[in-house]
Amino acid sequence: AQCMTREEYGEYQRQLVEEMERDAQFAQRKAERATFRSHFRDKYRLPKNETDDNQIQLVGGDVELPKELAKMIEQDNEEEEEKNSVIGQLSNIQNLDLDSLKDKASATLEDLKQTAEKCAVM
C-alpha cells in the first residue's frame, strides 16, 4: 500500500471486493447444485455425500434452489405422482387401451341412465 498511489490502491480494493463477490456467488452456486443432488439422493434413497453437505453448510446451511432447478424438481414430483396414481398404473399394463375403456364406461353410464329413466319405481 505504501508504494501505490491512491488511484492504484482504490483499484486494488475494488478488485478485491469483486473477487470476494465472485467467490461468494461461486460458493452459492455450488451449494445450490449440492442441494439439488441431495434432493435426488433422498428421493432415491442413495447414500449421502459429505462433500455436498459441507458445501451446503459453507454458505450457511439454508440454500434456496434457483427457479429453474425448483421447476425441474416440481415437474419430476408431478410425474412420479402421476405414475403412482391408478390411471398411471393402468397405463403401464401392456395391451390396455384406456380410450376404449373410457368409451365403454361412458356407454355403460348412459345405458344405466336410460334404464333408470324407464324404471317406474324410481
N, C-alpha and C. Protein backbone atom coordinates (compact mmCIF):
# COMPACT_ATOMS: atom_id res chain seq x y z
N ALA A 1 0.83 -1.20 0.00
CA ALA A 1 0.00 0.00 0.00
C ALA A 1 0.87 1.26 0.00
N GLN A 2 2.11 1.17 0.53
CA GLN A 2 2.97 2.35 0.59
C GLN A 2 3.51 2.73 -0.78
N CYS A 3 3.66 1.75 -1.67
CA CYS A 3 4.22 2.02 -2.98
C CYS A 3 3.16 2.43 -4.00
N MET A 4 1.92 2.31 -3.63
CA MET A 4 0.83 2.59 -4.59
C MET A 4 0.31 4.00 -4.42
N THR A 5 -0.16 4.53 -5.55
CA THR A 5 -0.85 5.81 -5.49
C THR A 5 -2.27 5.56 -5.01
N ARG A 6 -2.99 6.62 -4.71
CA ARG A 6 -4.37 6.47 -4.27
C ARG A 6 -5.23 5.77 -5.31
N GLU A 7 -5.03 6.12 -6.54
CA GLU A 7 -5.82 5.51 -7.63
C GLU A 7 -5.53 4.01 -7.73
N GLU A 8 -4.23 3.68 -7.65
CA GLU A 8 -3.86 2.27 -7.72
C GLU A 8 -4.42 1.50 -6.52
N TYR A 9 -4.37 2.11 -5.35
CA TYR A 9 -4.88 1.47 -4.15
C TYR A 9 -6.40 1.28 -4.24
N GLY A 10 -7.09 2.29 -4.75
CA GLY A 10 -8.56 2.20 -4.94
C GLY A 10 -8.91 1.09 -5.92
N GLU A 11 -8.15 1.00 -7.00
CA GLU A 11 -8.36 -0.06 -7.99
C GLU A 11 -8.12 -1.44 -7.37
N TYR A 12 -7.06 -1.53 -6.56
CA TYR A 12 -6.74 -2.78 -5.88
C TYR A 12 -7.88 -3.19 -4.94
N GLN A 13 -8.40 -2.25 -4.17
CA GLN A 13 -9.51 -2.54 -3.25
C GLN A 13 -10.76 -2.98 -4.03
N ARG A 14 -11.05 -2.33 -5.14
CA ARG A 14 -12.22 -2.67 -5.96
C ARG A 14 -12.09 -4.09 -6.50
N GLN A 15 -10.89 -4.45 -6.94
CA GLN A 15 -10.65 -5.80 -7.45
C GLN A 15 -10.81 -6.85 -6.36
N LEU A 16 -10.35 -6.52 -5.15
CA LEU A 16 -10.51 -7.45 -4.03
C LEU A 16 -12.00 -7.69 -3.72
N VAL A 17 -12.77 -6.61 -3.73
CA VAL A 17 -14.20 -6.73 -3.45
C VAL A 17 -14.87 -7.57 -4.54
N GLU A 18 -14.54 -7.31 -5.80
CA GLU A 18 -15.12 -8.08 -6.90
C GLU A 18 -14.77 -9.56 -6.79
N GLU A 19 -13.53 -9.83 -6.40
CA GLU A 19 -13.09 -11.22 -6.27
C GLU A 19 -13.85 -11.92 -5.14
N MET A 20 -14.05 -11.22 -4.03
CA MET A 20 -14.80 -11.81 -2.92
C MET A 20 -16.26 -12.07 -3.30
N GLU A 21 -16.85 -11.14 -4.05
CA GLU A 21 -18.24 -11.34 -4.51
C GLU A 21 -18.33 -12.53 -5.46
N ARG A 22 -17.36 -12.65 -6.36
CA ARG A 22 -17.32 -13.77 -7.30
C ARG A 22 -17.20 -15.10 -6.55
N ASP A 23 -16.33 -15.12 -5.54
CA ASP A 23 -16.15 -16.33 -4.74
C ASP A 23 -17.43 -16.69 -4.00
N ALA A 24 -18.12 -15.69 -3.47
CA ALA A 24 -19.37 -15.94 -2.76
C ALA A 24 -20.44 -16.48 -3.71
N GLN A 25 -20.54 -15.90 -4.90
CA GLN A 25 -21.51 -16.39 -5.88
C GLN A 25 -21.19 -17.82 -6.31
N PHE A 26 -19.91 -18.10 -6.50
CA PHE A 26 -19.49 -19.44 -6.89
C PHE A 26 -19.84 -20.45 -5.80
N ALA A 27 -19.59 -20.10 -4.54
CA ALA A 27 -19.91 -20.98 -3.42
C ALA A 27 -21.42 -21.20 -3.34
N GLN A 28 -22.20 -20.14 -3.60
CA GLN A 28 -23.67 -20.25 -3.58
C GLN A 28 -24.15 -21.21 -4.67
N ARG A 29 -23.61 -21.09 -5.87
CA ARG A 29 -24.00 -22.00 -6.97
C ARG A 29 -23.62 -23.44 -6.66
N LYS A 30 -22.44 -23.63 -6.08
CA LYS A 30 -22.02 -24.98 -5.71
C LYS A 30 -22.97 -25.56 -4.66
N ALA A 31 -23.40 -24.74 -3.72
CA ALA A 31 -24.33 -25.20 -2.68
C ALA A 31 -25.70 -25.51 -3.28
N GLU A 32 -26.14 -24.72 -4.26
CA GLU A 32 -27.42 -24.99 -4.93
C GLU A 32 -27.38 -26.33 -5.64
N ARG A 33 -26.29 -26.59 -6.34
CA ARG A 33 -26.16 -27.87 -7.04
C ARG A 33 -26.08 -29.02 -6.03
N ALA A 34 -25.41 -28.81 -4.92
CA ALA A 34 -25.32 -29.84 -3.88
C ALA A 34 -26.71 -30.12 -3.29
N THR A 35 -27.51 -29.08 -3.11
CA THR A 35 -28.88 -29.25 -2.61
C THR A 35 -29.70 -30.06 -3.60
N PHE A 36 -29.54 -29.75 -4.86
CA PHE A 36 -30.25 -30.47 -5.92
C PHE A 36 -29.88 -31.95 -5.90
N ARG A 37 -28.58 -32.23 -5.80
CA ARG A 37 -28.14 -33.63 -5.74
C ARG A 37 -28.66 -34.31 -4.49
N SER A 38 -28.64 -33.60 -3.37
CA SER A 38 -29.13 -34.17 -2.11
C SER A 38 -30.60 -34.52 -2.19
N HIS A 39 -31.36 -33.68 -2.89
CA HIS A 39 -32.79 -33.96 -3.07
C HIS A 39 -32.98 -35.30 -3.76
N PHE A 40 -32.25 -35.52 -4.82
CA PHE A 40 -32.41 -36.77 -5.56
C PHE A 40 -31.82 -37.96 -4.79
N ARG A 41 -30.79 -37.71 -4.00
CA ARG A 41 -30.27 -38.80 -3.16
C ARG A 41 -31.33 -39.24 -2.15
N ASP A 42 -32.01 -38.26 -1.55
CA ASP A 42 -33.08 -38.59 -0.60
C ASP A 42 -34.23 -39.30 -1.30
N LYS A 43 -34.57 -38.80 -2.46
CA LYS A 43 -35.71 -39.36 -3.19
C LYS A 43 -35.46 -40.82 -3.56
N TYR A 44 -34.29 -41.13 -4.03
CA TYR A 44 -33.99 -42.49 -4.48
C TYR A 44 -33.25 -43.30 -3.42
N ARG A 45 -33.23 -42.79 -2.19
CA ARG A 45 -32.64 -43.48 -1.04
C ARG A 45 -31.18 -43.90 -1.29
N LEU A 46 -30.42 -42.97 -1.82
CA LEU A 46 -29.00 -43.20 -2.05
C LEU A 46 -28.21 -42.67 -0.85
N PRO A 47 -26.99 -43.14 -0.65
CA PRO A 47 -26.19 -42.65 0.48
C PRO A 47 -25.86 -41.16 0.33
N LYS A 48 -25.79 -40.49 1.46
CA LYS A 48 -25.47 -39.06 1.45
C LYS A 48 -24.01 -38.85 1.10
N ASN A 49 -23.71 -37.65 0.62
CA ASN A 49 -22.35 -37.29 0.22
C ASN A 49 -21.87 -36.20 1.16
N GLU A 50 -20.77 -36.44 1.85
CA GLU A 50 -20.25 -35.47 2.81
C GLU A 50 -19.81 -34.18 2.13
N THR A 51 -19.29 -34.28 0.93
CA THR A 51 -18.85 -33.08 0.20
C THR A 51 -20.03 -32.15 -0.04
N ASP A 52 -21.16 -32.72 -0.46
CA ASP A 52 -22.34 -31.89 -0.69
C ASP A 52 -22.82 -31.25 0.61
N ASP A 53 -22.84 -32.02 1.69
CA ASP A 53 -23.25 -31.47 2.97
C ASP A 53 -22.33 -30.32 3.41
N ASN A 54 -21.03 -30.49 3.18
CA ASN A 54 -20.07 -29.44 3.53
C ASN A 54 -20.28 -28.18 2.71
N GLN A 55 -20.57 -28.34 1.42
CA GLN A 55 -20.79 -27.18 0.56
C GLN A 55 -22.04 -26.43 0.99
N ILE A 56 -23.06 -27.16 1.40
CA ILE A 56 -24.30 -26.51 1.85
C ILE A 56 -24.05 -25.76 3.15
N GLN A 57 -23.31 -26.37 4.07
CA GLN A 57 -23.02 -25.72 5.35
C GLN A 57 -22.09 -24.52 5.18
N LEU A 58 -21.25 -24.56 4.17
CA LEU A 58 -20.30 -23.48 3.94
C LEU A 58 -21.00 -22.15 3.66
N VAL A 59 -22.15 -22.20 3.00
CA VAL A 59 -22.87 -20.96 2.67
C VAL A 59 -23.97 -20.64 3.68
N GLY A 60 -24.02 -21.37 4.77
CA GLY A 60 -24.97 -21.03 5.81
C GLY A 60 -26.00 -22.11 6.07
N GLY A 61 -26.04 -23.14 5.27
CA GLY A 61 -26.94 -24.27 5.51
C GLY A 61 -28.32 -24.13 4.93
N ASP A 62 -28.81 -22.92 4.70
CA ASP A 62 -30.16 -22.72 4.16
C ASP A 62 -30.03 -22.24 2.72
N VAL A 63 -30.07 -23.19 1.80
CA VAL A 63 -29.87 -22.87 0.39
C VAL A 63 -31.21 -22.97 -0.34
N GLU A 64 -31.54 -21.94 -1.07
CA GLU A 64 -32.75 -21.95 -1.87
C GLU A 64 -32.36 -22.24 -3.31
N LEU A 65 -33.08 -23.17 -3.91
CA LEU A 65 -32.76 -23.55 -5.29
C LEU A 65 -33.17 -22.45 -6.26
N PRO A 66 -32.43 -22.31 -7.35
CA PRO A 66 -32.86 -21.38 -8.40
C PRO A 66 -34.20 -21.84 -8.98
N LYS A 67 -34.91 -20.92 -9.58
CA LYS A 67 -36.25 -21.22 -10.11
C LYS A 67 -36.23 -22.38 -11.10
N GLU A 68 -35.22 -22.42 -11.96
CA GLU A 68 -35.16 -23.47 -12.98
C GLU A 68 -35.04 -24.85 -12.33
N LEU A 69 -34.17 -24.96 -11.32
CA LEU A 69 -33.98 -26.24 -10.65
C LEU A 69 -35.22 -26.62 -9.84
N ALA A 70 -35.84 -25.63 -9.21
CA ALA A 70 -37.05 -25.91 -8.44
C ALA A 70 -38.17 -26.40 -9.36
N LYS A 71 -38.26 -25.82 -10.56
CA LYS A 71 -39.27 -26.27 -11.53
C LYS A 71 -39.01 -27.70 -11.97
N MET A 72 -37.73 -28.03 -12.18
CA MET A 72 -37.38 -29.39 -12.58
C MET A 72 -37.81 -30.39 -11.50
N ILE A 73 -37.56 -30.06 -10.25
CA ILE A 73 -37.94 -30.96 -9.16
C ILE A 73 -39.46 -31.07 -9.08
N GLU A 74 -40.14 -29.95 -9.24
CA GLU A 74 -41.61 -29.96 -9.18
C GLU A 74 -42.18 -30.82 -10.30
N GLN A 75 -41.66 -30.68 -11.51
CA GLN A 75 -42.13 -31.49 -12.63
C GLN A 75 -41.86 -32.97 -12.38
N ASP A 76 -40.70 -33.26 -11.83
CA ASP A 76 -40.35 -34.64 -11.53
C ASP A 76 -41.31 -35.23 -10.50
N ASN A 77 -41.64 -34.44 -9.48
CA ASN A 77 -42.58 -34.91 -8.45
C ASN A 77 -43.96 -35.13 -9.03
N GLU A 78 -44.40 -34.25 -9.94
CA GLU A 78 -45.70 -34.41 -10.57
C GLU A 78 -45.74 -35.69 -11.41
N GLU A 79 -44.65 -35.95 -12.15
CA GLU A 79 -44.59 -37.17 -12.95
C GLU A 79 -44.64 -38.41 -12.07
N GLU A 80 -43.95 -38.36 -10.95
CA GLU A 80 -43.95 -39.50 -10.02
C GLU A 80 -45.36 -39.73 -9.47
N GLU A 81 -46.05 -38.64 -9.09
CA GLU A 81 -47.41 -38.77 -8.57
C GLU A 81 -48.34 -39.35 -9.63
N GLU A 82 -48.16 -38.90 -10.86
CA GLU A 82 -49.00 -39.40 -11.95
C GLU A 82 -48.75 -40.88 -12.19
N LYS A 83 -47.49 -41.30 -12.14
CA LYS A 83 -47.15 -42.71 -12.33
C LYS A 83 -47.71 -43.57 -11.21
N ASN A 84 -47.77 -43.00 -9.99
CA ASN A 84 -48.25 -43.76 -8.85
C ASN A 84 -49.78 -43.77 -8.74
N SER A 85 -50.47 -42.96 -9.54
CA SER A 85 -51.92 -42.94 -9.48
C SER A 85 -52.49 -44.19 -10.14
N VAL A 86 -53.79 -44.42 -9.95
CA VAL A 86 -54.45 -45.60 -10.52
C VAL A 86 -54.36 -45.56 -12.05
N ILE A 87 -54.65 -44.43 -12.64
CA ILE A 87 -54.59 -44.30 -14.10
C ILE A 87 -53.16 -44.53 -14.58
N GLY A 88 -52.19 -44.03 -13.84
CA GLY A 88 -50.79 -44.24 -14.21
C GLY A 88 -50.42 -45.70 -14.17
N GLN A 89 -50.91 -46.41 -13.17
CA GLN A 89 -50.64 -47.85 -13.07
C GLN A 89 -51.34 -48.61 -14.19
N LEU A 90 -52.55 -48.20 -14.53
CA LEU A 90 -53.28 -48.87 -15.62
C LEU A 90 -52.58 -48.66 -16.96
N SER A 91 -52.01 -47.48 -17.14
CA SER A 91 -51.34 -47.21 -18.42
C SER A 91 -50.08 -48.04 -18.58
N ASN A 92 -49.53 -48.55 -17.47
CA ASN A 92 -48.34 -49.39 -17.54
C ASN A 92 -48.66 -50.81 -17.99
N ILE A 93 -49.92 -51.21 -17.88
CA ILE A 93 -50.30 -52.55 -18.29
C ILE A 93 -50.26 -52.63 -19.81
N GLN A 94 -49.60 -53.67 -20.31
CA GLN A 94 -49.48 -53.82 -21.76
C GLN A 94 -50.83 -54.21 -22.37
N ASN A 95 -51.04 -53.82 -23.60
CA ASN A 95 -52.24 -54.14 -24.37
C ASN A 95 -53.51 -53.62 -23.71
N LEU A 96 -53.43 -52.52 -23.00
CA LEU A 96 -54.60 -51.92 -22.37
C LEU A 96 -54.86 -50.59 -23.05
N ASP A 97 -56.04 -50.48 -23.63
CA ASP A 97 -56.41 -49.27 -24.35
C ASP A 97 -57.32 -48.44 -23.45
N LEU A 98 -56.78 -47.37 -22.87
CA LEU A 98 -57.55 -46.55 -21.94
C LEU A 98 -58.70 -45.84 -22.64
N ASP A 99 -58.50 -45.45 -23.89
CA ASP A 99 -59.57 -44.76 -24.61
C ASP A 99 -60.78 -45.67 -24.77
N SER A 100 -60.55 -46.92 -25.12
CA SER A 100 -61.69 -47.84 -25.28
C SER A 100 -62.36 -48.09 -23.94
N LEU A 101 -61.57 -48.16 -22.85
CA LEU A 101 -62.16 -48.33 -21.52
C LEU A 101 -63.03 -47.13 -21.16
N LYS A 102 -62.56 -45.93 -21.47
CA LYS A 102 -63.35 -44.74 -21.19
C LYS A 102 -64.64 -44.75 -21.99
N ASP A 103 -64.57 -45.13 -23.27
CA ASP A 103 -65.76 -45.20 -24.11
C ASP A 103 -66.76 -46.21 -23.56
N LYS A 104 -66.28 -47.38 -23.16
CA LYS A 104 -67.16 -48.41 -22.60
C LYS A 104 -67.79 -47.94 -21.30
N ALA A 105 -67.01 -47.26 -20.47
CA ALA A 105 -67.54 -46.78 -19.20
C ALA A 105 -68.61 -45.72 -19.41
N SER A 106 -68.39 -44.81 -20.33
CA SER A 106 -69.39 -43.77 -20.59
C SER A 106 -70.63 -44.37 -21.24
N ALA A 107 -70.48 -45.37 -22.12
CA ALA A 107 -71.64 -46.04 -22.73
C ALA A 107 -72.45 -46.77 -21.66
N THR A 108 -71.79 -47.44 -20.75
CA THR A 108 -72.47 -48.14 -19.66
C THR A 108 -73.22 -47.15 -18.78
N LEU A 109 -72.61 -46.01 -18.51
CA LEU A 109 -73.26 -44.99 -17.71
C LEU A 109 -74.51 -44.46 -18.40
N GLU A 110 -74.43 -44.24 -19.69
CA GLU A 110 -75.59 -43.78 -20.46
C GLU A 110 -76.71 -44.82 -20.43
N ASP A 111 -76.35 -46.10 -20.58
CA ASP A 111 -77.35 -47.18 -20.51
C ASP A 111 -78.03 -47.19 -19.16
N LEU A 112 -77.26 -47.02 -18.10
CA LEU A 112 -77.83 -47.01 -16.76
C LEU A 112 -78.78 -45.83 -16.57
N LYS A 113 -78.42 -44.68 -17.11
CA LYS A 113 -79.30 -43.51 -17.01
C LYS A 113 -80.61 -43.74 -17.74
N GLN A 114 -80.53 -44.33 -18.94
CA GLN A 114 -81.73 -44.60 -19.71
C GLN A 114 -82.61 -45.63 -19.02
N THR A 115 -82.01 -46.64 -18.47
CA THR A 115 -82.76 -47.68 -17.74
C THR A 115 -83.41 -47.07 -16.51
N ALA A 116 -82.71 -46.17 -15.83
CA ALA A 116 -83.25 -45.53 -14.63
C ALA A 116 -84.44 -44.64 -15.00
N GLU A 117 -84.38 -43.99 -16.15
CA GLU A 117 -85.49 -43.13 -16.59
C GLU A 117 -86.73 -43.96 -16.92
N LYS A 118 -86.54 -45.15 -17.46
CA LYS A 118 -87.64 -46.02 -17.85
C LYS A 118 -88.24 -46.73 -16.64
N CYS A 119 -87.50 -46.85 -15.58
CA CYS A 119 -87.95 -47.58 -14.41
C CYS A 119 -89.05 -46.80 -13.70
N ALA A 120 -90.18 -47.45 -13.47
CA ALA A 120 -91.33 -46.80 -12.86
C ALA A 120 -91.13 -46.61 -11.36
N VAL A 121 -90.37 -47.45 -10.73
CA VAL A 121 -90.17 -47.36 -9.28
C VAL A 121 -89.34 -46.13 -8.93
N MET A 122 -88.38 -45.82 -9.74
CA MET A 122 -87.51 -44.69 -9.44
C MET A 122 -88.22 -43.45 -9.86
